[in-house]
Amino acid sequence: MKRLQLLISGKVQGRGYRWFVRAAAEDAGASGWVRNETDGTVTAEVQAPEEVLRQLLRQLEAGNGAASVTSITAVSIPVEANETGFEIRT
């Protein structure tokens, strides 16, 4: 199990991107959360087996068609022991 903190840049706010992230994470079986930041980026924390995270990152880089992702910075952080589900935070 691995947990990543993601900083997602590009045209990712006001384009349904957080809902896309949540749906992709849930479909992959990942847990965590996603939120908009005041600087126009999106931050997320995702937790899943490493191979699942690799596939999920490819999906998030491709975007949802409305969003335009220019970069994703991923940093490994400690795993949350009892986390379940994936939420959109405000």
N, C-alpha and C. Protein backbone atom coordinates (compact mmCIF):
# COMPACT_ATOMS: atom_id res chain seq x y z
N MET A 1 0.85 -1.17 0.00
CA MET A 1 0.00 0.00 0.00
C MET A 1 0.89 1.23 0.00
N LYS A 2 0.47 2.25 -0.74
CA LYS A 2 1.23 3.49 -0.86
C LYS A 2 0.25 4.66 -0.88
N ARG A 3 0.70 5.81 -0.39
CA ARG A 3 -0.12 7.02 -0.40
C ARG A 3 0.68 8.13 -1.07
N LEU A 4 0.02 8.87 -1.97
CA LEU A 4 0.64 9.98 -2.66
C LEU A 4 -0.14 11.26 -2.42
N GLN A 5 0.60 12.34 -2.24
CA GLN A 5 -0.02 13.67 -2.25
C GLN A 5 0.25 14.22 -3.64
N LEU A 6 -0.81 14.68 -4.31
CA LEU A 6 -0.70 15.16 -5.69
C LEU A 6 -0.99 16.65 -5.76
N LEU A 7 -0.20 17.37 -6.52
CA LEU A 7 -0.48 18.76 -6.87
C LEU A 7 -0.69 18.78 -8.38
N ILE A 8 -1.92 19.10 -8.78
CA ILE A 8 -2.31 19.02 -10.18
C ILE A 8 -2.49 20.44 -10.72
N SER A 9 -1.75 20.76 -11.78
CA SER A 9 -1.78 22.10 -12.36
C SER A 9 -2.37 22.06 -13.76
N GLY A 10 -2.87 23.20 -14.20
CA GLY A 10 -3.45 23.34 -15.52
C GLY A 10 -4.81 24.00 -15.39
N LYS A 11 -5.64 23.82 -16.39
CA LYS A 11 -7.02 24.31 -16.34
C LYS A 11 -7.87 23.19 -15.75
N VAL A 12 -7.88 23.14 -14.40
CA VAL A 12 -8.49 22.01 -13.71
C VAL A 12 -9.62 22.42 -12.76
N GLN A 13 -9.89 23.70 -12.65
CA GLN A 13 -11.01 24.13 -11.80
C GLN A 13 -12.16 24.60 -12.68
N GLY A 14 -13.38 24.34 -12.21
CA GLY A 14 -14.57 24.72 -12.96
C GLY A 14 -14.82 23.86 -14.18
N ARG A 15 -14.25 22.67 -14.20
CA ARG A 15 -14.35 21.78 -15.36
C ARG A 15 -14.73 20.35 -14.97
N GLY A 16 -15.24 20.19 -13.75
CA GLY A 16 -15.65 18.86 -13.29
C GLY A 16 -14.49 17.95 -12.95
N TYR A 17 -13.29 18.50 -12.80
CA TYR A 17 -12.11 17.67 -12.60
C TYR A 17 -12.12 16.96 -11.26
N ARG A 18 -12.56 17.62 -10.18
CA ARG A 18 -12.59 16.94 -8.87
C ARG A 18 -13.53 15.74 -8.91
N TRP A 19 -14.66 15.87 -9.57
CA TRP A 19 -15.60 14.75 -9.67
C TRP A 19 -14.99 13.63 -10.51
N PHE A 20 -14.25 14.01 -11.54
CA PHE A 20 -13.54 13.03 -12.36
C PHE A 20 -12.50 12.27 -11.52
N VAL A 21 -11.75 13.01 -10.69
CA VAL A 21 -10.75 12.38 -9.83
C VAL A 21 -11.42 11.40 -8.88
N ARG A 22 -12.51 11.83 -8.26
CA ARG A 22 -13.21 10.95 -7.31
C ARG A 22 -13.71 9.69 -8.02
N ALA A 23 -14.33 9.84 -9.17
CA ALA A 23 -14.85 8.67 -9.90
C ALA A 23 -13.72 7.73 -10.32
N ALA A 24 -12.62 8.28 -10.82
CA ALA A 24 -11.49 7.44 -11.25
C ALA A 24 -10.89 6.71 -10.05
N ALA A 25 -10.76 7.41 -8.93
CA ALA A 25 -10.20 6.78 -7.73
C ALA A 25 -11.12 5.68 -7.20
N GLU A 26 -12.40 5.97 -7.16
CA GLU A 26 -13.35 4.95 -6.68
C GLU A 26 -13.36 3.74 -7.60
N ASP A 27 -13.33 3.97 -8.91
CA ASP A 27 -13.30 2.85 -9.87
C ASP A 27 -12.04 2.00 -9.69
N ALA A 28 -10.93 2.65 -9.33
CA ALA A 28 -9.66 1.95 -9.15
C ALA A 28 -9.56 1.28 -7.78
N GLY A 29 -10.46 1.63 -6.86
CA GLY A 29 -10.40 1.08 -5.51
C GLY A 29 -9.47 1.85 -4.59
N ALA A 30 -9.14 3.09 -4.96
CA ALA A 30 -8.27 3.94 -4.14
C ALA A 30 -9.10 4.71 -3.13
N SER A 31 -8.46 5.09 -2.03
CA SER A 31 -9.11 5.93 -1.04
C SER A 31 -8.38 7.28 -1.00
N GLY A 32 -9.02 8.27 -0.35
CA GLY A 32 -8.37 9.57 -0.21
C GLY A 32 -9.34 10.71 -0.37
N TRP A 33 -8.82 11.82 -0.90
CA TRP A 33 -9.63 13.03 -1.06
C TRP A 33 -9.04 13.92 -2.14
N VAL A 34 -9.84 14.91 -2.58
CA VAL A 34 -9.42 15.89 -3.58
C VAL A 34 -10.07 17.23 -3.24
N ARG A 35 -9.34 18.35 -3.53
CA ARG A 35 -9.93 19.68 -3.29
C ARG A 35 -9.27 20.72 -4.21
N ASN A 36 -10.02 21.79 -4.46
CA ASN A 36 -9.49 22.95 -5.18
C ASN A 36 -8.66 23.79 -4.24
N GLU A 37 -7.63 24.42 -4.78
CA GLU A 37 -6.81 25.36 -4.01
C GLU A 37 -7.06 26.77 -4.55
N THR A 38 -6.77 27.77 -3.74
CA THR A 38 -7.03 29.16 -4.13
C THR A 38 -6.17 29.63 -5.29
N ASP A 39 -5.05 28.96 -5.55
CA ASP A 39 -4.16 29.36 -6.65
C ASP A 39 -4.55 28.74 -7.99
N GLY A 40 -5.67 28.02 -8.05
CA GLY A 40 -6.13 27.42 -9.30
C GLY A 40 -5.70 25.99 -9.51
N THR A 41 -4.89 25.45 -8.61
CA THR A 41 -4.48 24.05 -8.71
C THR A 41 -5.48 23.17 -7.97
N VAL A 42 -5.29 21.88 -8.10
CA VAL A 42 -6.07 20.88 -7.37
C VAL A 42 -5.09 20.03 -6.59
N THR A 43 -5.41 19.78 -5.32
CA THR A 43 -4.60 18.91 -4.48
C THR A 43 -5.40 17.65 -4.19
N ALA A 44 -4.72 16.52 -4.16
CA ALA A 44 -5.37 15.25 -3.81
C ALA A 44 -4.40 14.40 -3.02
N GLU A 45 -4.96 13.53 -2.20
CA GLU A 45 -4.21 12.45 -1.58
C GLU A 45 -4.90 11.16 -1.98
N VAL A 46 -4.13 10.24 -2.52
CA VAL A 46 -4.67 8.97 -2.97
C VAL A 46 -3.86 7.83 -2.39
N GLN A 47 -4.57 6.77 -2.01
CA GLN A 47 -3.94 5.62 -1.37
C GLN A 47 -4.44 4.34 -2.01
N ALA A 48 -3.51 3.49 -2.40
CA ALA A 48 -3.84 2.22 -3.05
C ALA A 48 -2.54 1.45 -3.26
N PRO A 49 -2.63 0.21 -3.72
CA PRO A 49 -1.40 -0.49 -4.12
C PRO A 49 -0.68 0.28 -5.23
N GLU A 50 0.63 0.13 -5.27
CA GLU A 50 1.45 0.93 -6.19
C GLU A 50 1.02 0.84 -7.65
N GLU A 51 0.71 -0.36 -8.14
CA GLU A 51 0.29 -0.50 -9.54
C GLU A 51 -1.02 0.24 -9.81
N VAL A 52 -1.93 0.20 -8.87
CA VAL A 52 -3.20 0.94 -9.00
C VAL A 52 -2.91 2.44 -9.09
N LEU A 53 -1.99 2.94 -8.26
CA LEU A 53 -1.65 4.36 -8.29
C LEU A 53 -1.02 4.75 -9.62
N ARG A 54 -0.18 3.90 -10.18
CA ARG A 54 0.43 4.21 -11.49
C ARG A 54 -0.64 4.36 -12.56
N GLN A 55 -1.59 3.44 -12.59
CA GLN A 55 -2.67 3.51 -13.57
C GLN A 55 -3.55 4.73 -13.33
N LEU A 56 -3.84 5.02 -12.07
CA LEU A 56 -4.68 6.18 -11.74
C LEU A 56 -3.99 7.47 -12.16
N LEU A 57 -2.70 7.59 -11.92
CA LEU A 57 -1.98 8.80 -12.34
C LEU A 57 -2.05 9.01 -13.85
N ARG A 58 -1.98 7.94 -14.62
CA ARG A 58 -2.10 8.07 -16.08
C ARG A 58 -3.48 8.62 -16.45
N GLN A 59 -4.52 8.14 -15.78
CA GLN A 59 -5.87 8.66 -16.04
C GLN A 59 -5.98 10.12 -15.66
N LEU A 60 -5.44 10.49 -14.50
CA LEU A 60 -5.55 11.87 -14.04
C LEU A 60 -4.77 12.82 -14.95
N GLU A 61 -3.64 12.38 -15.48
CA GLU A 61 -2.87 13.19 -16.43
C GLU A 61 -3.65 13.42 -17.72
N ALA A 62 -4.37 12.41 -18.18
CA ALA A 62 -5.16 12.53 -19.40
C ALA A 62 -6.35 13.47 -19.20
N GLY A 63 -6.87 13.53 -17.99
CA GLY A 63 -8.00 14.43 -17.70
C GLY A 63 -9.33 13.87 -18.15
N ASN A 64 -10.33 14.73 -18.06
CA ASN A 64 -11.69 14.32 -18.34
C ASN A 64 -12.24 14.89 -19.64
N GLY A 65 -11.41 15.48 -20.45
CA GLY A 65 -11.87 16.07 -21.71
C GLY A 65 -12.14 17.56 -21.58
N ALA A 66 -12.67 17.99 -20.45
CA ALA A 66 -12.94 19.42 -20.22
C ALA A 66 -11.74 20.10 -19.57
N ALA A 67 -11.01 19.35 -18.76
CA ALA A 67 -9.84 19.89 -18.07
C ALA A 67 -8.60 19.71 -18.93
N SER A 68 -7.60 20.55 -18.67
CA SER A 68 -6.32 20.44 -19.35
C SER A 68 -5.23 20.40 -18.29
N VAL A 69 -4.69 19.22 -18.04
CA VAL A 69 -3.66 19.03 -17.02
C VAL A 69 -2.30 19.31 -17.64
N THR A 70 -1.54 20.22 -17.02
CA THR A 70 -0.19 20.52 -17.51
C THR A 70 0.87 19.77 -16.72
N SER A 71 0.61 19.50 -15.42
CA SER A 71 1.58 18.73 -14.64
C SER A 71 0.93 18.16 -13.39
N ILE A 72 1.48 17.05 -12.94
CA ILE A 72 1.11 16.45 -11.66
C ILE A 72 2.40 16.18 -10.91
N THR A 73 2.53 16.79 -9.73
CA THR A 73 3.65 16.52 -8.85
C THR A 73 3.17 15.55 -7.79
N ALA A 74 3.85 14.42 -7.64
CA ALA A 74 3.46 13.38 -6.68
C ALA A 74 4.56 13.20 -5.65
N VAL A 75 4.16 13.21 -4.37
CA VAL A 75 5.08 13.02 -3.26
C VAL A 75 4.54 11.89 -2.38
N SER A 76 5.39 10.93 -2.04
CA SER A 76 4.98 9.85 -1.14
C SER A 76 4.83 10.40 0.27
N ILE A 77 3.72 10.03 0.92
CA ILE A 77 3.46 10.43 2.29
C ILE A 77 3.01 9.18 3.07
N PRO A 78 2.96 9.26 4.39
CA PRO A 78 2.57 8.08 5.18
C PRO A 78 1.16 7.58 4.86
N VAL A 79 1.02 6.28 4.87
CA VAL A 79 -0.27 5.63 4.63
C VAL A 79 -1.21 5.90 5.81
N GLU A 80 -2.49 6.14 5.51
CA GLU A 80 -3.53 6.30 6.54
C GLU A 80 -4.10 4.92 6.83
N ALA A 81 -3.98 4.46 8.04
CA ALA A 81 -4.30 3.08 8.39
C ALA A 81 -5.77 2.70 8.17
N ASN A 82 -6.70 3.53 8.57
CA ASN A 82 -8.12 3.13 8.55
C ASN A 82 -8.96 3.91 7.57
N GLU A 83 -8.36 4.49 6.56
CA GLU A 83 -9.12 5.30 5.61
C GLU A 83 -9.93 4.42 4.66
N THR A 84 -11.14 4.84 4.40
CA THR A 84 -11.99 4.18 3.40
C THR A 84 -12.68 5.26 2.59
N GLY A 85 -13.01 4.95 1.36
CA GLY A 85 -13.74 5.88 0.52
C GLY A 85 -12.88 7.00 -0.04
N PHE A 86 -13.52 7.82 -0.86
CA PHE A 86 -12.85 8.95 -1.50
C PHE A 86 -13.81 10.12 -1.48
N GLU A 87 -13.34 11.27 -1.01
CA GLU A 87 -14.24 12.42 -0.86
C GLU A 87 -13.71 13.66 -1.57
N ILE A 88 -14.64 14.53 -1.92
CA ILE A 88 -14.32 15.85 -2.42
C ILE A 88 -14.38 16.80 -1.24
N ARG A 89 -13.30 17.50 -0.98
CA ARG A 89 -13.24 18.45 0.13
C ARG A 89 -13.35 19.87 -0.41
N THR A 90 -13.83 20.74 0.45
CA THR A 90 -13.92 22.16 0.07
C THR A 90 -13.02 23.00 0.92
